[in-house]
Amino acid sequence: MARLRKSQAQRGVEKPKWSFPIWFFDYDNDGRLDLFVASYYFASGEWVRPYLGLQRQGDSMKLYRNTGKGTFADVTRETGLDRGVAAMGANFGDVDNDGFPRTSISVPALRLTRL
């Protein structure tokens, strides 16, 4: 396990600590597989904390762009995914045939979050 953790750090992929669905897909259509890791931190009031100016207790979901050099760059903030959700399921696909994949994330309250 220590070897895996070292490899994660070297590749730029360390969070979220708790997650449920993860997958590789090419979110930016550059021909390289990127990595999406949904967070799963279920605590009462966690989603409202950023709106109140409070520090988040759990990690946000993460989107890592494949740099093509054996590493990943965290693009979570610039893609608007810097928020905590308790994702129970997730999927992706090009639902409208425009060449760009869409994601769908299901959470316990049956709300959907899309990228």
Protein backbone atom coordinates (compact mmCIF):
# COMPACT_ATOMS: atom_id res chain seq x y z
CA MET A 1 0.00 0.00 0.00
CA ALA A 2 2.87 2.41 0.73
CA ARG A 3 4.13 1.87 -2.82
CA LEU A 4 0.74 2.79 -4.26
CA ARG A 5 0.57 5.96 -2.16
CA LYS A 6 4.04 6.98 -3.34
CA SER A 7 3.01 6.38 -6.94
CA GLN A 8 -0.14 8.47 -6.45
CA ALA A 9 1.87 11.40 -5.12
CA GLN A 10 4.40 11.18 -7.94
CA ARG A 11 1.60 11.23 -10.51
CA GLY A 12 -0.27 14.13 -8.89
CA VAL A 13 -3.30 12.10 -7.79
CA GLU A 14 -3.82 12.10 -4.04
CA LYS A 15 -7.43 13.04 -3.23
CA PRO A 16 -10.19 12.64 -2.36
CA LYS A 17 -9.46 10.33 0.51
CA TRP A 18 -12.98 8.90 0.51
CA SER A 19 -14.61 8.26 -2.83
CA PHE A 20 -17.15 6.07 -4.49
CA PRO A 21 -17.29 6.14 -8.31
CA ILE A 22 -14.14 6.82 -10.31
CA TRP A 23 -13.37 6.48 -14.01
CA PHE A 24 -11.02 7.38 -16.79
CA PHE A 25 -12.44 9.37 -19.70
CA ASP A 26 -11.20 12.04 -22.10
CA TYR A 27 -13.01 15.13 -20.77
CA ASP A 28 -11.11 17.61 -22.95
CA ASN A 29 -10.92 15.56 -26.18
CA ASP A 30 -7.13 15.68 -26.37
CA GLY A 31 -6.84 11.91 -26.94
CA ARG A 32 -5.54 11.16 -23.41
CA LEU A 33 -7.58 9.53 -20.68
CA ASP A 34 -8.21 11.87 -17.76
CA LEU A 35 -9.29 10.76 -14.28
CA PHE A 36 -12.48 11.68 -12.45
CA VAL A 37 -12.77 10.78 -8.75
CA ALA A 38 -16.07 11.49 -7.05
CA SER A 39 -15.95 12.37 -3.38
CA TYR A 40 -18.00 10.65 -0.76
CA TYR A 41 -18.01 12.61 2.45
CA PHE A 42 -21.46 12.40 3.96
CA ALA A 43 -21.87 14.74 6.88
CA SER A 44 -24.80 16.88 7.87
CA GLY A 45 -24.30 20.43 6.61
CA GLU A 46 -21.18 19.70 4.54
CA TRP A 47 -22.68 21.13 1.33
CA VAL A 48 -23.62 24.44 2.93
CA ARG A 49 -20.23 25.10 4.55
CA PRO A 50 -18.59 26.84 1.54
CA TYR A 51 -21.60 29.16 1.19
CA LEU A 52 -21.19 30.18 4.82
CA GLY A 53 -17.49 30.85 4.38
CA LEU A 54 -16.56 27.80 6.44
CA GLN A 55 -13.78 25.37 5.66
CA ARG A 56 -14.94 22.15 4.03
CA GLN A 57 -14.43 19.10 6.25
CA GLY A 58 -14.24 16.53 3.46
CA ASP A 59 -12.53 16.60 0.08
CA SER A 60 -14.23 17.80 -3.06
CA MET A 61 -14.64 15.57 -6.07
CA LYS A 62 -11.56 15.76 -8.32
CA LEU A 63 -10.89 15.94 -12.02
CA TYR A 64 -7.31 15.22 -13.06
CA ARG A 65 -6.17 16.10 -16.59
CA ASN A 66 -3.68 13.70 -18.13
CA THR A 67 -0.55 15.72 -18.97
CA GLY A 68 0.76 13.09 -21.38
CA LYS A 69 3.97 12.83 -19.32
CA GLY A 70 2.89 10.10 -16.93
CA THR A 71 1.36 12.59 -14.51
CA PHE A 72 -1.98 14.30 -13.91
CA ALA A 73 -2.81 17.95 -13.23
CA ASP A 74 -5.65 18.83 -10.86
CA VAL A 75 -8.17 20.87 -12.89
CA THR A 76 -10.99 20.58 -10.35
CA ARG A 77 -11.27 24.28 -9.53
CA GLU A 78 -11.05 25.54 -13.11
CA THR A 79 -13.79 23.13 -14.22
CA GLY A 80 -16.17 24.16 -11.42
CA LEU A 81 -16.09 20.82 -9.61
CA ASP A 82 -14.55 22.13 -6.39
CA ARG A 83 -17.41 21.09 -4.15
CA GLY A 84 -18.24 18.22 -1.92
CA VAL A 85 -20.90 15.71 -2.85
CA ALA A 86 -21.79 12.31 -1.53
CA ALA A 87 -21.77 10.60 -4.91
CA MET A 88 -23.40 7.19 -4.98
CA GLY A 89 -23.06 6.67 -8.70
CA ALA A 90 -21.69 8.37 -11.79
CA ASN A 91 -21.50 7.86 -15.51
CA PHE A 92 -20.45 9.67 -18.65
CA GLY A 93 -21.20 9.69 -22.34
CA ASP A 94 -21.69 11.89 -25.39
CA VAL A 95 -25.46 12.10 -25.08
CA ASP A 96 -25.98 14.76 -27.77
CA ASN A 97 -23.32 13.65 -30.29
CA ASP A 98 -21.36 16.90 -30.12
CA GLY A 99 -18.07 15.10 -29.49
CA PHE A 100 -17.83 16.05 -25.80
CA PRO A 101 -18.68 13.67 -22.96
CA ARG A 102 -21.16 14.73 -20.29
CA THR A 103 -21.15 13.39 -16.77
CA SER A 104 -24.02 12.58 -14.51
CA ILE A 105 -23.49 12.18 -10.78
CA SER A 106 -26.19 10.79 -8.51
CA VAL A 107 -26.29 11.76 -4.87
CA PRO A 108 -28.46 10.50 -1.98
CA ALA A 109 -31.05 13.28 -2.35
CA LEU A 110 -31.63 12.19 -5.98
CA ARG A 111 -30.16 15.40 -7.38
CA LEU A 112 -27.90 15.36 -10.41
CA THR A 113 -24.72 17.30 -10.89
CA ARG A 114 -23.37 17.59 -14.43
CA LEU A 115 -19.98 18.59 -15.81
